[in-house]
């Protein structure tokens, strides 16, 4: 890295990809949260943060702790997504049943 101001060439490509994934996931989670779908928002944001933490831990810091923490966040997020889908299906079934 150069000693001067940060240039685009100094940023590794995977860091840029991680930032884009995080921003897109955050925007999607905010949209879901504004609609009142908190389980869906958590189901979107937690896996995104988990994957970013896994990548950052393994590629940048070479830390197994961050990899496993990211994996745990991803699994919790997938569980929240499953709960959101069950909740939506149950609500839809109750609306159809007379």
N, C-alpha and C. Protein backbone atom coordinates (compact mmCIF):
# COMPACT_ATOMS: atom_id res chain seq x y z
N UNK A 1 0.83 -1.17 0.00
CA UNK A 1 0.00 0.00 0.00
C UNK A 1 0.87 1.24 0.00
N UNK A 2 0.40 2.26 -0.64
CA UNK A 2 1.17 3.50 -0.70
C UNK A 2 1.00 4.30 0.59
N UNK A 3 1.94 5.20 0.84
CA UNK A 3 1.89 6.02 2.05
C UNK A 3 0.93 7.19 1.90
N UNK A 4 0.58 7.53 0.67
CA UNK A 4 -0.31 8.67 0.41
C UNK A 4 -1.77 8.30 0.61
N UNK A 5 -2.64 9.06 -0.04
CA UNK A 5 -4.07 8.77 0.09
C UNK A 5 -4.43 7.42 -0.52
N UNK A 6 -5.51 6.85 -0.02
CA UNK A 6 -5.94 5.53 -0.48
C UNK A 6 -6.43 5.62 -1.92
N UNK A 7 -5.89 4.75 -2.75
CA UNK A 7 -6.30 4.70 -4.15
C UNK A 7 -7.10 3.44 -4.39
N UNK A 8 -7.86 3.41 -5.48
CA UNK A 8 -8.67 2.26 -5.80
C UNK A 8 -7.82 1.01 -6.00
N UNK A 9 -6.61 1.16 -6.52
CA UNK A 9 -5.73 0.02 -6.75
C UNK A 9 -5.26 -0.63 -5.46
N UNK A 10 -5.31 0.11 -4.34
CA UNK A 10 -4.84 -0.42 -3.07
C UNK A 10 -5.85 -1.34 -2.38
N UNK A 11 -7.10 -1.27 -2.77
CA UNK A 11 -8.15 -2.04 -2.12
C UNK A 11 -8.27 -3.41 -2.81
N UNK A 12 -8.11 -4.50 -2.06
CA UNK A 12 -8.26 -5.82 -2.67
C UNK A 12 -9.68 -6.02 -3.20
N UNK A 13 -9.81 -6.79 -4.24
CA UNK A 13 -11.12 -6.99 -4.87
C UNK A 13 -12.11 -7.66 -3.93
N UNK A 14 -11.66 -8.60 -3.09
CA UNK A 14 -12.60 -9.28 -2.20
C UNK A 14 -13.16 -8.33 -1.15
N UNK A 15 -12.41 -7.31 -0.77
CA UNK A 15 -12.91 -6.32 0.17
C UNK A 15 -14.05 -5.53 -0.46
N UNK A 16 -13.89 -5.19 -1.71
CA UNK A 16 -14.94 -4.48 -2.43
C UNK A 16 -16.18 -5.34 -2.57
N UNK A 17 -16.00 -6.60 -2.88
CA UNK A 17 -17.13 -7.52 -3.00
C UNK A 17 -17.85 -7.67 -1.66
N UNK A 18 -17.10 -7.79 -0.57
CA UNK A 18 -17.70 -7.88 0.76
C UNK A 18 -18.51 -6.63 1.08
N UNK A 19 -17.98 -5.46 0.75
CA UNK A 19 -18.69 -4.22 1.02
C UNK A 19 -19.99 -4.13 0.22
N UNK A 20 -19.95 -4.54 -1.03
CA UNK A 20 -21.16 -4.52 -1.87
C UNK A 20 -22.20 -5.49 -1.32
N UNK A 21 -21.78 -6.68 -0.93
CA UNK A 21 -22.70 -7.66 -0.36
C UNK A 21 -23.33 -7.11 0.92
N UNK A 22 -22.53 -6.49 1.76
CA UNK A 22 -23.04 -5.94 3.02
C UNK A 22 -24.03 -4.81 2.78
N UNK A 23 -23.73 -3.92 1.85
CA UNK A 23 -24.64 -2.80 1.56
C UNK A 23 -25.95 -3.31 0.98
N UNK A 24 -25.89 -4.22 0.02
CA UNK A 24 -27.12 -4.75 -0.58
C UNK A 24 -27.96 -5.51 0.44
N UNK A 25 -27.31 -6.29 1.29
CA UNK A 25 -28.04 -7.01 2.34
C UNK A 25 -28.68 -6.07 3.34
N UNK A 26 -27.96 -5.00 3.71
CA UNK A 26 -28.51 -4.03 4.66
C UNK A 26 -29.70 -3.30 4.07
N UNK A 27 -29.62 -2.93 2.81
CA UNK A 27 -30.74 -2.24 2.15
C UNK A 27 -31.96 -3.16 2.10
N UNK A 28 -31.75 -4.41 1.74
CA UNK A 28 -32.86 -5.36 1.68
C UNK A 28 -33.47 -5.59 3.06
N UNK A 29 -32.63 -5.69 4.09
CA UNK A 29 -33.14 -5.89 5.45
C UNK A 29 -33.90 -4.66 5.94
N UNK A 30 -33.44 -3.47 5.58
CA UNK A 30 -34.15 -2.24 5.98
C UNK A 30 -35.52 -2.19 5.33
N UNK A 31 -35.60 -2.58 4.07
CA UNK A 31 -36.90 -2.60 3.38
C UNK A 31 -37.85 -3.56 4.08
N UNK A 32 -37.37 -4.74 4.45
CA UNK A 32 -38.22 -5.71 5.14
C UNK A 32 -38.62 -5.20 6.53
N UNK A 33 -37.71 -4.56 7.23
CA UNK A 33 -38.01 -4.05 8.57
C UNK A 33 -39.04 -2.93 8.51
N UNK A 34 -38.97 -2.10 7.50
CA UNK A 34 -39.95 -1.02 7.37
C UNK A 34 -41.35 -1.55 7.09
N UNK A 35 -41.43 -2.73 6.52
CA UNK A 35 -42.72 -3.38 6.28
C UNK A 35 -43.21 -4.12 7.52
N UNK A 36 -42.39 -4.16 8.58
CA UNK A 36 -42.76 -4.85 9.81
C UNK A 36 -42.42 -6.33 9.80
N UNK A 37 -41.65 -6.77 8.87
CA UNK A 37 -41.25 -8.18 8.76
C UNK A 37 -39.88 -8.36 9.42
N UNK A 38 -39.87 -8.40 10.74
CA UNK A 38 -38.61 -8.43 11.48
C UNK A 38 -37.88 -9.75 11.33
N UNK A 39 -38.62 -10.85 11.28
CA UNK A 39 -37.95 -12.14 11.08
C UNK A 39 -37.28 -12.19 9.71
N UNK A 40 -37.95 -11.67 8.70
CA UNK A 40 -37.37 -11.66 7.36
C UNK A 40 -36.14 -10.75 7.31
N UNK A 41 -36.21 -9.61 8.01
CA UNK A 41 -35.06 -8.70 8.04
C UNK A 41 -33.85 -9.36 8.70
N UNK A 42 -34.09 -10.04 9.82
CA UNK A 42 -33.00 -10.77 10.47
C UNK A 42 -32.50 -11.92 9.63
N UNK A 43 -33.43 -12.58 8.93
CA UNK A 43 -33.06 -13.69 8.06
C UNK A 43 -32.22 -13.26 6.87
N UNK A 44 -32.32 -11.99 6.51
CA UNK A 44 -31.50 -11.46 5.41
C UNK A 44 -30.17 -10.95 5.94
N UNK A 45 -30.23 -10.14 7.00
CA UNK A 45 -29.03 -9.44 7.46
C UNK A 45 -28.02 -10.36 8.16
N UNK A 46 -28.49 -11.27 8.99
CA UNK A 46 -27.55 -12.11 9.74
C UNK A 46 -26.68 -13.00 8.85
N UNK A 47 -27.22 -13.69 7.84
CA UNK A 47 -26.32 -14.46 6.97
C UNK A 47 -25.34 -13.58 6.19
N UNK A 48 -25.79 -12.39 5.80
CA UNK A 48 -24.89 -11.48 5.07
C UNK A 48 -23.73 -11.07 5.96
N UNK A 49 -24.03 -10.68 7.19
CA UNK A 49 -22.97 -10.29 8.13
C UNK A 49 -22.10 -11.50 8.45
N UNK A 50 -22.72 -12.68 8.59
CA UNK A 50 -21.96 -13.89 8.87
C UNK A 50 -20.99 -14.25 7.77
N UNK A 51 -21.44 -14.15 6.52
CA UNK A 51 -20.55 -14.46 5.39
C UNK A 51 -19.42 -13.45 5.32
N UNK A 52 -19.73 -12.18 5.53
CA UNK A 52 -18.67 -11.17 5.54
C UNK A 52 -17.67 -11.42 6.66
N UNK A 53 -18.16 -11.81 7.83
CA UNK A 53 -17.27 -12.10 8.96
C UNK A 53 -16.41 -13.33 8.66
N UNK A 54 -16.99 -14.34 8.02
CA UNK A 54 -16.22 -15.52 7.65
C UNK A 54 -15.12 -15.16 6.65
N UNK A 55 -15.47 -14.37 5.64
CA UNK A 55 -14.46 -13.97 4.65
C UNK A 55 -13.37 -13.11 5.27
N UNK A 56 -13.79 -12.15 6.08
CA UNK A 56 -12.81 -11.26 6.72
C UNK A 56 -11.90 -12.04 7.66
N UNK A 57 -12.48 -12.97 8.42
CA UNK A 57 -11.69 -13.75 9.36
C UNK A 57 -10.69 -14.67 8.69
N UNK A 58 -11.09 -15.25 7.56
CA UNK A 58 -10.19 -16.21 6.92
C UNK A 58 -9.21 -15.54 5.96
N UNK A 59 -9.66 -14.55 5.21
CA UNK A 59 -8.79 -13.95 4.20
C UNK A 59 -7.88 -12.86 4.75
N UNK A 60 -8.39 -12.07 5.68
CA UNK A 60 -7.60 -10.92 6.15
C UNK A 60 -6.87 -11.24 7.46
N UNK A 61 -7.60 -11.72 8.45
CA UNK A 61 -7.01 -11.90 9.78
C UNK A 61 -6.54 -13.32 10.04
N UNK A 62 -6.86 -14.27 9.19
CA UNK A 62 -6.47 -15.67 9.35
C UNK A 62 -6.84 -16.19 10.74
N UNK A 63 -8.10 -15.96 11.10
CA UNK A 63 -8.58 -16.34 12.42
C UNK A 63 -9.73 -17.33 12.30
N UNK A 64 -9.56 -18.47 12.92
CA UNK A 64 -10.63 -19.48 12.90
C UNK A 64 -11.82 -19.03 13.74
N UNK A 65 -11.58 -18.22 14.76
CA UNK A 65 -12.67 -17.74 15.62
C UNK A 65 -13.68 -16.92 14.82
N UNK A 66 -13.20 -16.03 13.96
CA UNK A 66 -14.11 -15.22 13.15
C UNK A 66 -14.85 -16.08 12.12
N UNK A 67 -14.18 -17.10 11.61
CA UNK A 67 -14.85 -18.01 10.68
C UNK A 67 -16.02 -18.70 11.36
N UNK A 68 -15.80 -19.26 12.55
CA UNK A 68 -16.87 -19.98 13.25
C UNK A 68 -17.95 -19.03 13.75
N UNK A 69 -17.57 -17.83 14.15
CA UNK A 69 -18.58 -16.84 14.56
C UNK A 69 -19.46 -16.45 13.37
N UNK A 70 -18.84 -16.28 12.21
CA UNK A 70 -19.61 -15.97 11.00
C UNK A 70 -20.52 -17.11 10.60
N UNK A 71 -20.03 -18.34 10.75
CA UNK A 71 -20.86 -19.50 10.45
C UNK A 71 -22.05 -19.57 11.40
N UNK A 72 -21.83 -19.29 12.67
CA UNK A 72 -22.93 -19.29 13.64
C UNK A 72 -23.96 -18.21 13.31
N UNK A 73 -23.50 -17.01 12.96
CA UNK A 73 -24.43 -15.95 12.56
C UNK A 73 -25.24 -16.36 11.34
N UNK A 74 -24.59 -16.99 10.39
CA UNK A 74 -25.29 -17.43 9.19
C UNK A 74 -26.36 -18.47 9.53
N UNK A 75 -26.03 -19.41 10.39
CA UNK A 75 -27.01 -20.43 10.76
C UNK A 75 -28.18 -19.84 11.52
N UNK A 76 -27.92 -18.90 12.42
CA UNK A 76 -29.02 -18.22 13.13
C UNK A 76 -29.89 -17.46 12.14
N UNK A 77 -29.27 -16.81 11.18
CA UNK A 77 -30.03 -16.08 10.17
C UNK A 77 -30.89 -16.99 9.32
N UNK A 78 -30.35 -18.16 8.95
CA UNK A 78 -31.15 -19.11 8.18
C UNK A 78 -32.31 -19.65 9.02
N UNK A 79 -32.08 -19.81 10.31
CA UNK A 79 -33.17 -20.21 11.21
C UNK A 79 -34.26 -19.15 11.28
N UNK A 80 -33.86 -17.88 11.32
CA UNK A 80 -34.85 -16.80 11.32
C UNK A 80 -35.62 -16.76 10.01
N UNK A 81 -34.95 -17.02 8.92
CA UNK A 81 -35.64 -17.06 7.62
C UNK A 81 -36.65 -18.20 7.59
N UNK A 82 -36.28 -19.35 8.15
CA UNK A 82 -37.21 -20.48 8.23
C UNK A 82 -38.41 -20.12 9.09
N UNK A 83 -38.18 -19.45 10.22
CA UNK A 83 -39.28 -19.03 11.09
C UNK A 83 -40.19 -18.02 10.38
N UNK A 84 -39.60 -17.13 9.61
CA UNK A 84 -40.40 -16.14 8.87
C UNK A 84 -41.27 -16.84 7.83
N UNK A 85 -40.72 -17.82 7.15
CA UNK A 85 -41.51 -18.54 6.14
C UNK A 85 -42.64 -19.34 6.78
N UNK A 86 -42.38 -19.97 7.91
CA UNK A 86 -43.44 -20.71 8.60
C UNK A 86 -44.52 -19.78 9.10
N UNK A 87 -44.10 -18.63 9.62
CA UNK A 87 -45.07 -17.65 10.13
C UNK A 87 -45.94 -17.12 8.99
N UNK A 88 -45.34 -16.84 7.85
CA UNK A 88 -46.10 -16.36 6.69
C UNK A 88 -47.06 -17.43 6.19
N UNK A 89 -46.61 -18.67 6.12
CA UNK A 89 -47.47 -19.76 5.65
C UNK A 89 -48.63 -19.99 6.62
N UNK A 90 -48.36 -19.91 7.91
CA UNK A 90 -49.41 -20.11 8.91
C UNK A 90 -50.44 -18.99 8.84
N UNK A 91 -49.99 -17.76 8.64
CA UNK A 91 -50.90 -16.62 8.52
C UNK A 91 -51.75 -16.75 7.26
N UNK A 92 -51.14 -17.18 6.17
CA UNK A 92 -51.88 -17.35 4.91
C UNK A 92 -52.90 -18.47 5.03
N UNK A 93 -52.55 -19.55 5.72
CA UNK A 93 -53.48 -20.66 5.92
C UNK A 93 -54.66 -20.24 6.78
N UNK A 94 -54.40 -19.43 7.81
CA UNK A 94 -55.47 -18.97 8.69
C UNK A 94 -56.42 -18.03 7.95
N UNK A 95 -55.91 -17.27 7.01
CA UNK A 95 -56.75 -16.35 6.25
C UNK A 95 -57.65 -17.10 5.27
N UNK A 96 -57.20 -18.23 4.76
CA UNK A 96 -57.97 -19.00 3.79
C UNK A 96 -59.02 -19.86 4.49
N UNK A 97 -58.71 -20.39 5.67
CA UNK A 97 -59.62 -21.26 6.41
C UNK A 97 -60.82 -20.46 6.90
N UNK A 98 -62.06 -20.97 6.63
CA UNK A 98 -63.25 -20.21 7.07
C UNK A 98 -63.48 -20.26 8.55
